[in-house]
Amino acid sequence: MYQLPLPTDSSPGQFPAAPADLTSSPAPQPARSTDRPGPTFRTLLGVATLSAVLGSTLTFGMVSAIGGGAFVSIAPTPTDAPSAAQPASTSNQPTDLTGVVANARKSVVTITAQGISTRNPFSPFNVPSTGVGSGIVVSSNGLILTNYHVVEGAQSLSVATADNQKLDATVVSTDATHDLAVIKAVGGTLTAATLGDSSQLLVGQTVLAIGSPLGEFTETVTRGIVSALDRAITVGDQATGSSKNLSNLIQTDAAINPGNSGGPLINERGEVVGINSAVSRQAEGIGFAIPINAAKDLIDKATASAA
């Protein structure tokens, strides 16, 4: 969950003015309604500092995006010849994903981590803290995939399922480098998710995020598209000053909020293609998920150790 601040060289609350058009003076135009702003948009490509909620509604950090350093306007790419018209859809009905979502939600859990605040590990005033994130059941014997930052430092873990089971859990395997962890819930009846192949994702493909935003609205479903692939960001913790690089991420505009971390990003077939991890808060619709293929080795190791 990440924030993009305003550029430091602009006045508070304002973006720098768009560069003037020096080619010609536009002809006078009829007066237009001021109810809606005109289409003067600019894209910021740069090294941007963002703030993150890492799996918990109470834990915050920092992230920097990798990029260039200028304001640019995006123009259509010219083509040598007009493309052929595409045939119109023969159906006026939207894709019905209710069955897909109903099945996928069975494999999504809410994870509550009880631990000690680590803002200052040497402080005598450390107090108990609670973080809430999401997870994906990957085996019927209790293995659950989530983000490492959801369970990091937890003294105890509990899992709540969509059918109201409350289960204790322990950490089985972790991969802090890729912000991944596998935990195991004890007892209960769990339904494993179907894992997809994230290498087959295409920009523009429909995806859905499922999780527990704010730790309260469990099994919330949001819809978007794959906005970009192979993104790289640097995430860090404001309190400790530590940071790590995450790469090969899926960028999506599906709404992701604090508490969604560790939940699944699924395709239209209900297959898990990513693990929701972060979202920009000062630019709408910029979220990030870890490709599911990056987690498969960790899942295999956890399966072997839990056998």
C-alpha atoms as a PDB file:
ATOM      1  CA  MET A   1       0.000   0.000   0.000  1.00  0.00           C
ATOM      2  CA  TYR A   2       2.022   2.964  -1.256  1.00  0.00           C
ATOM      3  CA  GLN A   3       1.705   6.755  -1.540  1.00  0.00           C
ATOM      4  CA  LEU A   4       3.062   9.040  -4.233  1.00  0.00           C
ATOM      5  CA  PRO A   5       3.781  12.524  -2.746  1.00  0.00           C
ATOM      6  CA  LEU A   6       3.504  15.742  -4.672  1.00  0.00           C
ATOM      7  CA  PRO A   7       6.729  16.979  -6.362  1.00  0.00           C
ATOM      8  CA  THR A   8       8.857  19.011  -3.950  1.00  0.00           C
ATOM      9  CA  ASP A   9       9.371  21.943  -6.362  1.00  0.00           C
ATOM     10  CA  SER A  10       5.675  22.773  -6.586  1.00  0.00           C
ATOM     11  CA  SER A  11       3.594  24.814  -4.186  1.00  0.00           C
ATOM     12  CA  PRO A  12       1.647  22.862  -1.549  1.00  0.00           C
ATOM     13  CA  GLY A  13      -1.302  21.001  -2.974  1.00  0.00           C
ATOM     14  CA  GLN A  14      -0.432  21.760  -6.606  1.00  0.00           C
ATOM     15  CA  PHE A  15       1.318  19.994  -9.461  1.00  0.00           C
ATOM     16  CA  PRO A  16       3.670  22.049 -11.648  1.00  0.00           C
ATOM     17  CA  ALA A  17       1.887  23.783 -14.479  1.00  0.00           C
ATOM     18  CA  ALA A  18       1.875  21.955 -17.789  1.00  0.00           C
ATOM     19  CA  PRO A  19       4.381  23.328 -20.340  1.00  0.00           C
ATOM     20  CA  ALA A  20       2.926  25.816 -22.786  1.00  0.00           C
ATOM     21  CA  ASP A  21       2.249  24.878 -26.390  1.00  0.00           C
ATOM     22  CA  LEU A  22       4.765  26.917 -28.373  1.00  0.00           C
ATOM     23  CA  THR A  23       3.732  25.814 -31.865  1.00  0.00           C
ATOM     24  CA  SER A  24       0.720  28.035 -32.411  1.00  0.00           C
ATOM     25  CA  SER A  25      -1.965  29.988 -30.677  1.00  0.00           C
ATOM     26  CA  PRO A  26      -5.207  28.080 -30.510  1.00  0.00           C
ATOM     27  CA  ALA A  27      -8.279  29.565 -32.077  1.00  0.00           C
ATOM     28  CA  PRO A  28     -10.847  30.908 -29.617  1.00  0.00           C
ATOM     29  CA  GLN A  29     -13.196  28.203 -28.458  1.00  0.00           C
ATOM     30  CA  PRO A  30     -16.788  28.480 -27.269  1.00  0.00           C
ATOM     31  CA  ALA A  31     -17.229  28.757 -23.540  1.00  0.00           C
ATOM     32  CA  ARG A  32     -17.402  25.402 -21.844  1.00  0.00           C
ATOM     33  CA  SER A  33     -18.791  24.187 -18.582  1.00  0.00           C
ATOM     34  CA  THR A  34     -16.405  24.283 -15.639  1.00  0.00           C
ATOM     35  CA  ASP A  35     -18.086  21.325 -13.961  1.00  0.00           C
ATOM     36  CA  ARG A  36     -15.458  18.991 -15.378  1.00  0.00           C
ATOM     37  CA  PRO A  37     -11.738  19.655 -15.733  1.00  0.00           C
ATOM     38  CA  GLY A  38     -10.200  19.769 -19.215  1.00  0.00           C
ATOM     39  CA  PRO A  39      -7.955  16.951 -20.384  1.00  0.00           C
ATOM     40  CA  THR A  40      -4.608  18.318 -19.147  1.00  0.00           C
ATOM     41  CA  PHE A  41      -2.906  15.281 -17.695  1.00  0.00           C
ATOM     42  CA  ARG A  42       0.771  14.564 -17.267  1.00  0.00           C
ATOM     43  CA  THR A  43       2.549  11.403 -16.264  1.00  0.00           C
ATOM     44  CA  LEU A  44       5.251  11.511 -13.619  1.00  0.00           C
ATOM     45  CA  LEU A  45       8.167   9.208 -14.370  1.00  0.00           C
ATOM     46  CA  GLY A  46      10.738   9.437 -11.637  1.00  0.00           C
ATOM     47  CA  VAL A  47      12.241   8.204  -8.437  1.00  0.00           C
ATOM     48  CA  ALA A  48       9.162   8.563  -6.257  1.00  0.00           C
ATOM     49  CA  THR A  49       8.904   8.074  -2.498  1.00  0.00           C
ATOM     50  CA  LEU A  50       5.819   6.233  -1.345  1.00  0.00           C
ATOM     51  CA  SER A  51       4.421   5.024   1.980  1.00  0.00           C
ATOM     52  CA  ALA A  52       3.201   1.490   2.553  1.00  0.00           C
ATOM     53  CA  VAL A  53       0.945  -0.497   4.811  1.00  0.00           C
ATOM     54  CA  LEU A  54       2.672  -3.830   5.096  1.00  0.00           C
ATOM     55  CA  GLY A  55       0.012  -6.428   5.789  1.00  0.00           C
ATOM     56  CA  SER A  56      -1.313  -4.740   8.906  1.00  0.00           C
ATOM     57  CA  THR A  57      -3.689  -1.885   9.451  1.00  0.00           C
ATOM     58  CA  LEU A  58      -1.188  -0.622  12.042  1.00  0.00           C
ATOM     59  CA  THR A  59       2.211  -1.090  10.343  1.00  0.00           C
ATOM     60  CA  PHE A  60       3.598   1.427   7.873  1.00  0.00           C
ATOM     61  CA  GLY A  61       6.715   1.609   5.709  1.00  0.00           C
ATOM     62  CA  MET A  62       8.234   3.246   2.638  1.00  0.00           C
ATOM     63  CA  VAL A  63       8.666   2.343  -0.985  1.00  0.00           C
ATOM     64  CA  SER A  64      10.462   3.922  -3.937  1.00  0.00           C
ATOM     65  CA  ALA A  65       9.548   3.326  -7.552  1.00  0.00           C
ATOM     66  CA  ILE A  66      12.267   2.688 -10.127  1.00  0.00           C
ATOM     67  CA  GLY A  67      12.115   5.041 -13.084  1.00  0.00           C
ATOM     68  CA  GLY A  68      13.401   8.062 -14.998  1.00  0.00           C
ATOM     69  CA  GLY A  69      13.070  11.670 -13.908  1.00  0.00           C
ATOM     70  CA  ALA A  70      10.851  14.024 -15.922  1.00  0.00           C
ATOM     71  CA  PHE A  71       7.339  15.158 -16.591  1.00  0.00           C
ATOM     72  CA  VAL A  72       6.200  13.990 -19.986  1.00  0.00           C
ATOM     73  CA  SER A  73       3.003  14.017 -21.970  1.00  0.00           C
ATOM     74  CA  ILE A  74       1.951  10.744 -23.525  1.00  0.00           C
ATOM     75  CA  ALA A  75       1.008  10.895 -27.211  1.00  0.00           C
ATOM     76  CA  PRO A  76      -0.393   8.081 -29.367  1.00  0.00           C
ATOM     77  CA  THR A  77       2.242   6.029 -31.124  1.00  0.00           C
ATOM     78  CA  PRO A  78       2.021   6.670 -34.902  1.00  0.00           C
ATOM     79  CA  THR A  79       1.384   3.711 -37.148  1.00  0.00           C
ATOM     80  CA  ASP A  80       2.225   3.179 -40.802  1.00  0.00           C
ATOM     81  CA  ALA A  81      -1.307   2.293 -41.721  1.00  0.00           C
ATOM     82  CA  PRO A  82      -4.684   2.224 -39.989  1.00  0.00           C
ATOM     83  CA  SER A  83      -5.476  -1.081 -38.381  1.00  0.00           C
ATOM     84  CA  ALA A  84      -8.413  -3.111 -39.552  1.00  0.00           C
ATOM     85  CA  ALA A  85     -11.600  -2.650 -37.599  1.00  0.00           C
ATOM     86  CA  GLN A  86     -12.240  -5.326 -35.000  1.00  0.00           C
ATOM     87  CA  PRO A  87     -15.555  -7.159 -35.093  1.00  0.00           C
ATOM     88  CA  ALA A  88     -17.999  -6.009 -32.484  1.00  0.00           C
ATOM     89  CA  SER A  89     -18.939  -8.336 -29.641  1.00  0.00           C
ATOM     90  CA  THR A  90     -22.032 -10.381 -30.332  1.00  0.00           C
ATOM     91  CA  SER A  91     -23.035 -10.303 -26.658  1.00  0.00           C
ATOM     92  CA  ASN A  92     -24.227  -7.364 -24.596  1.00  0.00           C
ATOM     93  CA  GLN A  93     -23.894  -9.326 -21.367  1.00  0.00           C
ATOM     94  CA  PRO A  94     -20.879  -8.799 -19.071  1.00  0.00           C
ATOM     95  CA  THR A  95     -18.812 -11.790 -18.071  1.00  0.00           C
ATOM     96  CA  ASP A  96     -20.445 -13.462 -15.069  1.00  0.00           C
ATOM     97  CA  LEU A  97     -17.737 -14.133 -12.488  1.00  0.00           C
ATOM     98  CA  THR A  98     -20.003 -14.905  -9.551  1.00  0.00           C
ATOM     99  CA  GLY A  99     -19.347 -18.647  -9.655  1.00  0.00           C
ATOM    100  CA  VAL A 100     -15.600 -18.125 -10.025  1.00  0.00           C
ATOM    101  CA  VAL A 101     -15.544 -15.731  -7.083  1.00  0.00           C
ATOM    102  CA  ALA A 102     -17.692 -18.006  -4.906  1.00  0.00           C
ATOM    103  CA  ASN A 103     -15.221 -20.861  -5.358  1.00  0.00           C
ATOM    104  CA  ALA A 104     -12.118 -18.686  -4.934  1.00  0.00           C
ATOM    105  CA  ARG A 105     -13.331 -17.118  -1.688  1.00  0.00           C
ATOM    106  CA  LYS A 106     -13.404 -20.546  -0.030  1.00  0.00           C
ATOM    107  CA  SER A 107      -9.596 -20.582  -0.175  1.00  0.00           C
ATOM    108  CA  VAL A 108      -9.014 -17.067   1.202  1.00  0.00           C
ATOM    109  CA  VAL A 109      -8.375 -16.583   4.919  1.00  0.00           C
ATOM    110  CA  THR A 110      -7.864 -13.667   7.277  1.00  0.00           C
ATOM    111  CA  ILE A 111      -4.633 -13.850   9.299  1.00  0.00           C
ATOM    112  CA  THR A 112      -4.285 -12.119  12.668  1.00  0.00           C
ATOM    113  CA  ALA A 113      -0.741 -11.758  13.983  1.00  0.00           C
ATOM    114  CA  GLN A 114      -0.171 -10.990  17.658  1.00  0.00           C
ATOM    115  CA  GLY A 115       3.260  -9.645  18.475  1.00  0.00           C
ATOM    116  CA  ILE A 116       5.367  -6.877  19.964  1.00  0.00           C
ATOM    117  CA  SER A 117       5.813  -3.469  18.382  1.00  0.00           C
ATOM    118  CA  THR A 118       9.361  -3.256  16.956  1.00  0.00           C
ATOM    119  CA  ARG A 119       9.546   0.496  16.345  1.00  0.00           C
ATOM    120  CA  ASN A 120      12.356   0.562  18.922  1.00  0.00           C
ATOM    121  CA  PRO A 121      13.417  -2.949  19.967  1.00  0.00           C
ATOM    122  CA  PHE A 122      15.430  -1.532  22.893  1.00  0.00           C
ATOM    123  CA  SER A 123      12.608   0.562  24.306  1.00  0.00           C
ATOM    124  CA  PRO A 124      11.093  -0.529  27.638  1.00  0.00           C
ATOM    125  CA  PHE A 125       7.785   0.823  26.383  1.00  0.00           C
ATOM    126  CA  ASN A 126       7.152  -1.738  23.641  1.00  0.00           C
ATOM    127  CA  VAL A 127       3.498  -2.669  23.665  1.00  0.00           C
ATOM    128  CA  PRO A 128       1.592  -5.624  22.217  1.00  0.00           C
ATOM    129  CA  SER A 129       0.408  -5.017  18.675  1.00  0.00           C
ATOM    130  CA  THR A 130      -1.971  -6.747  16.312  1.00  0.00           C
ATOM    131  CA  GLY A 131      -1.648  -6.931  12.547  1.00  0.00           C
ATOM    132  CA  VAL A 132      -4.240  -8.255  10.132  1.00  0.00           C
ATOM    133  CA  GLY A 133      -3.556  -9.598   6.648  1.00  0.00           C
ATOM    134  CA  SER A 134      -4.843 -12.189   4.218  1.00  0.00           C
ATOM    135  CA  GLY A 135      -3.713 -15.587   3.008  1.00  0.00           C
ATOM    136  CA  ILE A 136      -4.305 -18.267   0.367  1.00  0.00           C
ATOM    137  CA  VAL A 137      -4.882 -21.915   1.275  1.00  0.00           C
ATOM    138  CA  VAL A 138      -2.505 -23.949  -0.898  1.00  0.00           C
ATOM    139  CA  SER A 139      -3.112 -27.419   0.539  1.00  0.00           C
ATOM    140  CA  SER A 140      -6.027 -29.068   2.307  1.00  0.00           C
ATOM    141  CA  ASN A 141      -3.747 -30.118   5.190  1.00  0.00           C
ATOM    142  CA  GLY A 142      -3.499 -26.495   6.356  1.00  0.00           C
ATOM    143  CA  LEU A 143      -0.694 -24.803   4.398  1.00  0.00           C
ATOM    144  CA  ILE A 144      -1.412 -21.134   3.718  1.00  0.00           C
ATOM    145  CA  LEU A 145       0.608 -18.727   1.559  1.00  0.00           C
ATOM    146  CA  THR A 146       0.902 -15.078   2.594  1.00  0.00           C
ATOM    147  CA  ASN A 147       3.343 -12.152   2.669  1.00  0.00           C
ATOM    148  CA  TYR A 148       6.368 -12.340   4.956  1.00  0.00           C
ATOM    149  CA  HIS A 149       5.582  -8.897   6.363  1.00  0.00           C
ATOM    150  CA  VAL A 150       2.160 -10.160   7.512  1.00  0.00           C
ATOM    151  CA  VAL A 151       3.740 -12.674   9.931  1.00  0.00           C
ATOM    152  CA  GLU A 152       7.127 -11.059  10.580  1.00  0.00           C
ATOM    153  CA  GLY A 153       7.846 -10.852  14.315  1.00  0.00           C
ATOM    154  CA  ALA A 154       4.530 -12.420  15.306  1.00  0.00           C
ATOM    155  CA  GLN A 155       4.429 -14.290  18.583  1.00  0.00           C
ATOM    156  CA  SER A 156       1.188 -16.040  17.676  1.00  0.00           C
ATOM    157  CA  LEU A 157      -0.987 -16.432  14.596  1.00  0.00           C
ATOM    158  CA  SER A 158      -4.658 -17.194  14.102  1.00  0.00           C
ATOM    159  CA  VAL A 159      -6.605 -17.852  10.921  1.00  0.00           C
ATOM    160  CA  ALA A 160     -10.272 -17.158  10.156  1.00  0.00           C
ATOM    161  CA  THR A 161     -11.878 -18.886   7.172  1.00  0.00           C
ATOM    162  CA  ALA A 162     -14.797 -17.813   4.993  1.00  0.00           C
ATOM    163  CA  ASP A 163     -17.029 -20.384   6.747  1.00  0.00           C
ATOM    164  CA  ASN A 164     -16.170 -18.948  10.197  1.00  0.00           C
ATOM    165  CA  GLN A 165     -13.589 -21.479  11.368  1.00  0.00           C
ATOM    166  CA  LYS A 166     -11.047 -20.022  13.832  1.00  0.00           C
ATOM    167  CA  LEU A 167      -7.723 -21.882  13.742  1.00  0.00           C
ATOM    168  CA  ASP A 168      -4.309 -21.460  15.335  1.00  0.00           C
ATOM    169  CA  ALA A 169      -1.337 -21.379  12.970  1.00  0.00           C
ATOM    170  CA  THR A 170       2.464 -21.443  12.983  1.00  0.00           C
ATOM    171  CA  VAL A 171       5.111 -20.348  10.487  1.00  0.00           C
ATOM    172  CA  VAL A 172       6.528 -23.184   8.361  1.00  0.00           C
ATOM    173  CA  SER A 173       8.759 -21.486   5.747  1.00  0.00           C
ATOM    174  CA  THR A 174       9.718 -17.918   4.881  1.00  0.00           C
ATOM    175  CA  ASP A 175      11.378 -16.062   2.025  1.00  0.00           C
ATOM    176  CA  ALA A 176      12.005 -12.531   3.269  1.00  0.00           C
ATOM    177  CA  THR A 177      13.794 -11.572   0.049  1.00  0.00           C
ATOM    178  CA  HIS A 178      10.614 -12.057  -1.973  1.00  0.00           C
ATOM    179  CA  ASP A 179       8.258 -11.090   0.903  1.00  0.00           C
ATOM    180  CA  LEU A 180       6.688 -14.554   1.063  1.00  0.00           C
ATOM    181  CA  ALA A 181       5.797 -16.964   3.867  1.00  0.00           C
ATOM    182  CA  VAL A 182       3.928 -20.234   4.327  1.00  0.00           C
ATOM    183  CA  ILE A 183       2.105 -20.918   7.584  1.00  0.00           C
ATOM    184  CA  LYS A 184       0.193 -23.984   8.707  1.00  0.00           C
ATOM    185  CA  ALA A 185      -3.235 -23.900  10.348  1.00  0.00           C
ATOM    186  CA  VAL A 186      -4.025 -26.626  12.855  1.00  0.00           C
ATOM    187  CA  GLY A 187      -7.287 -28.548  12.535  1.00  0.00           C
ATOM    188  CA  GLY A 188     -10.322 -27.466  10.596  1.00  0.00           C
ATOM    189  CA  THR A 189     -11.360 -28.216   7.039  1.00  0.00           C
ATOM    190  CA  LEU A 190      -9.692 -26.113   4.381  1.00  0.00           C
ATOM    191  CA  THR A 191     -10.178 -25.836   0.612  1.00  0.00           C
ATOM    192  CA  ALA A 192      -7.023 -25.418  -1.457  1.00  0.00           C
ATOM    193  CA  ALA A 193      -6.905 -22.774  -4.176  1.00  0.00           C
ATOM    194  CA  THR A 194      -6.052 -23.549  -7.795  1.00  0.00           C
ATOM    195  CA  LEU A 195      -2.671 -22.058  -8.681  1.00  0.00           C
ATOM    196  CA  GLY A 196      -2.226 -20.613 -12.165  1.00  0.00           C
ATOM    197  CA  ASP A 197       0.803 -19.782 -14.309  1.00  0.00           C
ATOM    198  CA  SER A 198       1.771 -16.125 -13.888  1.00  0.00           C
ATOM    199  CA  SER A 199       4.146 -16.332 -16.860  1.00  0.00           C
ATOM    200  CA  GLN A 200       1.070 -16.438 -19.105  1.00  0.00           C
ATOM    201  CA  LEU A 201      -0.326 -13.110 -17.918  1.00  0.00           C
ATOM    202  CA  LEU A 202      -0.945 -10.371 -20.480  1.00  0.00           C
ATOM    203  CA  VAL A 203      -1.344  -6.629 -20.004  1.00  0.00           C
ATOM    204  CA  GLY A 204      -5.041  -5.791 -20.160  1.00  0.00           C
ATOM    205  CA  GLN A 205      -6.157  -9.162 -18.799  1.00  0.00           C
ATOM    206  CA  THR A 206      -8.965  -9.084 -16.215  1.00  0.00           C
ATOM    207  CA  VAL A 207      -7.931  -9.936 -12.647  1.00  0.00           C
ATOM    208  CA  LEU A 208      -9.650  -9.871  -9.257  1.00  0.00           C
ATOM    209  CA  ALA A 209      -8.178  -9.214  -5.814  1.00  0.00           C
ATOM    210  CA  ILE A 210      -9.647 -10.927  -2.750  1.00  0.00           C
ATOM    211  CA  GLY A 211      -8.778 -10.203   0.864  1.00  0.00           C
ATOM    212  CA  SER A 212      -9.684  -8.478   4.124  1.00  0.00           C
ATOM    213  CA  PRO A 213      -9.219  -4.714   3.672  1.00  0.00           C
ATOM    214  CA  LEU A 214      -8.820  -2.835   6.957  1.00  0.00           C
ATOM    215  CA  GLY A 215      -8.895  -6.227   8.681  1.00  0.00           C
ATOM    216  CA  GLU A 216     -12.660  -5.912   8.890  1.00  0.00           C
ATOM    217  CA  PHE A 217     -14.316  -6.423   5.499  1.00  0.00           C
ATOM    218  CA  THR A 218     -13.347 -10.054   5.004  1.00  0.00           C
ATOM    219  CA  GLU A 219     -13.436 -11.779   1.608  1.00  0.00           C
ATOM    220  CA  THR A 220     -13.824  -8.459  -0.211  1.00  0.00           C
ATOM    221  CA  VAL A 221     -13.567  -8.776  -4.007  1.00  0.00           C
ATOM    222  CA  THR A 222     -12.326  -6.013  -6.325  1.00  0.00           C
ATOM    223  CA  ARG A 223     -11.892  -6.126 -10.099  1.00  0.00           C
ATOM    224  CA  GLY A 224      -9.309  -4.616 -12.426  1.00  0.00           C
ATOM    225  CA  ILE A 225      -6.817  -5.459 -15.125  1.00  0.00           C
ATOM    226  CA  VAL A 226      -3.143  -6.292 -15.383  1.00  0.00           C
ATOM    227  CA  SER A 227      -1.766  -2.782 -15.882  1.00  0.00           C
ATOM    228  CA  ALA A 228       1.875  -3.770 -16.415  1.00  0.00           C
ATOM    229  CA  LEU A 229       4.311  -6.617 -15.819  1.00  0.00           C
ATOM    230  CA  ASP A 230       7.866  -6.916 -14.482  1.00  0.00           C
ATOM    231  CA  ARG A 231       7.695  -3.848 -12.233  1.00  0.00           C
ATOM    232  CA  ALA A 232      10.472  -3.157  -9.689  1.00  0.00           C
ATOM    233  CA  ILE A 233      10.084  -1.243  -6.421  1.00  0.00           C
ATOM    234  CA  THR A 234      12.075  -0.715  -3.238  1.00  0.00           C
ATOM    235  CA  VAL A 235      10.138  -1.197  -0.010  1.00  0.00           C
ATOM    236  CA  GLY A 236      11.347  -0.166   3.411  1.00  0.00           C
ATOM    237  CA  ASP A 237      10.314   0.525   6.971  1.00  0.00           C
ATOM    238  CA  GLN A 238      10.274   4.139   8.155  1.00  0.00           C
ATOM    239  CA  ALA A 239      10.771   3.067  11.749  1.00  0.00           C
ATOM    240  CA  THR A 240      13.813   0.832  11.272  1.00  0.00           C
ATOM    241  CA  GLY A 241      15.251   2.340   8.088  1.00  0.00           C
ATOM    242  CA  SER A 242      15.602  -1.115   6.516  1.00  0.00           C
ATOM    243  CA  SER A 243      14.644  -1.678   2.896  1.00  0.00           C
ATOM    244  CA  LYS A 244      14.460  -4.379   0.265  1.00  0.00           C
ATOM    245  CA  ASN A 245      14.016  -4.569  -3.485  1.00  0.00           C
ATOM    246  CA  LEU A 246      11.107  -6.414  -5.045  1.00  0.00           C
ATOM    247  CA  SER A 247      11.124  -7.097  -8.766  1.00  0.00           C
ATOM    248  CA  ASN A 248       9.122  -8.861 -11.478  1.00  0.00           C
ATOM    249  CA  LEU A 249       5.919  -7.610  -9.881  1.00  0.00           C
ATOM    250  CA  ILE A 250       2.463  -7.512 -11.450  1.00  0.00           C
ATOM    251  CA  GLN A 251       0.953  -4.024 -11.540  1.00  0.00           C
ATOM    252  CA  THR A 252      -2.843  -3.880 -11.327  1.00  0.00           C
ATOM    253  CA  ASP A 253      -5.586  -1.303 -10.874  1.00  0.00           C
ATOM    254  CA  ALA A 254      -7.747  -3.683  -8.832  1.00  0.00           C
ATOM    255  CA  ALA A 255      -8.376  -1.939  -5.493  1.00  0.00           C
ATOM    256  CA  ILE A 256      -5.985  -3.155  -2.783  1.00  0.00           C
ATOM    257  CA  ASN A 257      -6.052  -1.768   0.764  1.00  0.00           C
ATOM    258  CA  PRO A 258      -4.414  -2.363   4.157  1.00  0.00           C
ATOM    259  CA  GLY A 259      -5.319  -5.912   5.165  1.00  0.00           C
ATOM    260  CA  ASN A 260      -5.319  -7.183   1.559  1.00  0.00           C
ATOM    261  CA  SER A 261      -1.633  -8.106   1.790  1.00  0.00           C
ATOM    262  CA  GLY A 262      -1.108 -11.838   1.277  1.00  0.00           C
ATOM    263  CA  GLY A 263      -4.455 -12.350  -0.439  1.00  0.00           C
ATOM    264  CA  PRO A 264      -4.794 -13.737  -3.968  1.00  0.00           C
ATOM    265  CA  LEU A 265      -4.925 -12.008  -7.314  1.00  0.00           C
ATOM    266  CA  ILE A 266      -6.921 -14.368  -9.532  1.00  0.00           C
ATOM    267  CA  ASN A 267      -7.715 -14.571 -13.236  1.00  0.00           C
ATOM    268  CA  GLU A 268     -11.145 -15.089 -14.799  1.00  0.00           C
ATOM    269  CA  ARG A 269     -10.803 -18.865 -14.372  1.00  0.00           C
ATOM    270  CA  GLY A 270     -10.331 -18.494 -10.627  1.00  0.00           C
ATOM    271  CA  GLU A 271      -6.635 -19.433 -10.722  1.00  0.00           C
ATOM    272  CA  VAL A 272      -4.273 -17.632  -8.351  1.00  0.00           C
ATOM    273  CA  VAL A 273      -1.765 -15.662 -10.441  1.00  0.00           C
ATOM    274  CA  GLY A 274      -0.374 -13.327  -7.777  1.00  0.00           C
ATOM    275  CA  ILE A 275      -0.089 -12.448  -4.091  1.00  0.00           C
ATOM    276  CA  ASN A 276      -1.297  -8.917  -3.342  1.00  0.00           C
ATOM    277  CA  SER A 277       1.389  -6.930  -1.599  1.00  0.00           C
ATOM    278  CA  ALA A 278       1.277  -3.165  -2.138  1.00  0.00           C
ATOM    279  CA  VAL A 279      -0.677  -0.228  -3.534  1.00  0.00           C
ATOM    280  CA  SER A 280      -0.021   3.435  -4.267  1.00  0.00           C
ATOM    281  CA  ARG A 281      -2.237   5.774  -2.286  1.00  0.00           C
ATOM    282  CA  GLN A 282      -1.426   9.100  -3.947  1.00  0.00           C
ATOM    283  CA  ALA A 283      -2.015   7.770  -7.432  1.00  0.00           C
ATOM    284  CA  GLU A 284      -5.231   5.883  -7.967  1.00  0.00           C
ATOM    285  CA  GLY A 285      -5.210   2.338  -9.275  1.00  0.00           C
ATOM    286  CA  ILE A 286      -1.528   1.423  -8.890  1.00  0.00           C
ATOM    287  CA  GLY A 287      -1.174  -1.810  -6.949  1.00  0.00           C
ATOM    288  CA  PHE A 288       1.427  -4.559  -6.968  1.00  0.00           C
ATOM    289  CA  ALA A 289       1.293  -8.338  -6.614  1.00  0.00           C
ATOM    290  CA  ILE A 290       4.026 -10.954  -6.429  1.00  0.00           C
ATOM    291  CA  PRO A 291       3.689 -13.499  -9.280  1.00  0.00           C
ATOM    292  CA  ILE A 292       2.504 -16.878  -8.020  1.00  0.00           C
ATOM    293  CA  ASN A 293       5.321 -18.620  -9.894  1.00  0.00           C
ATOM    294  CA  ALA A 294       7.789 -16.893  -7.553  1.00  0.00           C
ATOM    295  CA  ALA A 295       6.144 -18.679  -4.604  1.00  0.00           C
ATOM    296  CA  LYS A 296       5.961 -22.229  -5.964  1.00  0.00           C
ATOM    297  CA  ASP A 297       9.405 -23.322  -4.747  1.00  0.00           C
ATOM    298  CA  LEU A 298       8.596 -22.094  -1.239  1.00  0.00           C
ATOM    299  CA  ILE A 299       5.257 -23.932  -1.323  1.00  0.00           C
ATOM    300  CA  ASP A 300       7.028 -27.150  -2.410  1.00  0.00           C
ATOM    301  CA  LYS A 301       9.549 -26.845   0.458  1.00  0.00           C
ATOM    302  CA  ALA A 302       6.778 -26.219   2.971  1.00  0.00           C
ATOM    303  CA  THR A 303       4.824 -29.213   1.641  1.00  0.00           C
ATOM    304  CA  ALA A 304       7.878 -31.450   2.028  1.00  0.00           C
ATOM    305  CA  SER A 305       8.649 -30.281   5.560  1.00  0.00           C
ATOM    306  CA  ALA A 306       5.016 -30.621   6.662  1.00  0.00           C
ATOM    307  CA  ALA A 307       4.645 -34.153   5.260  1.00  0.00           C
END
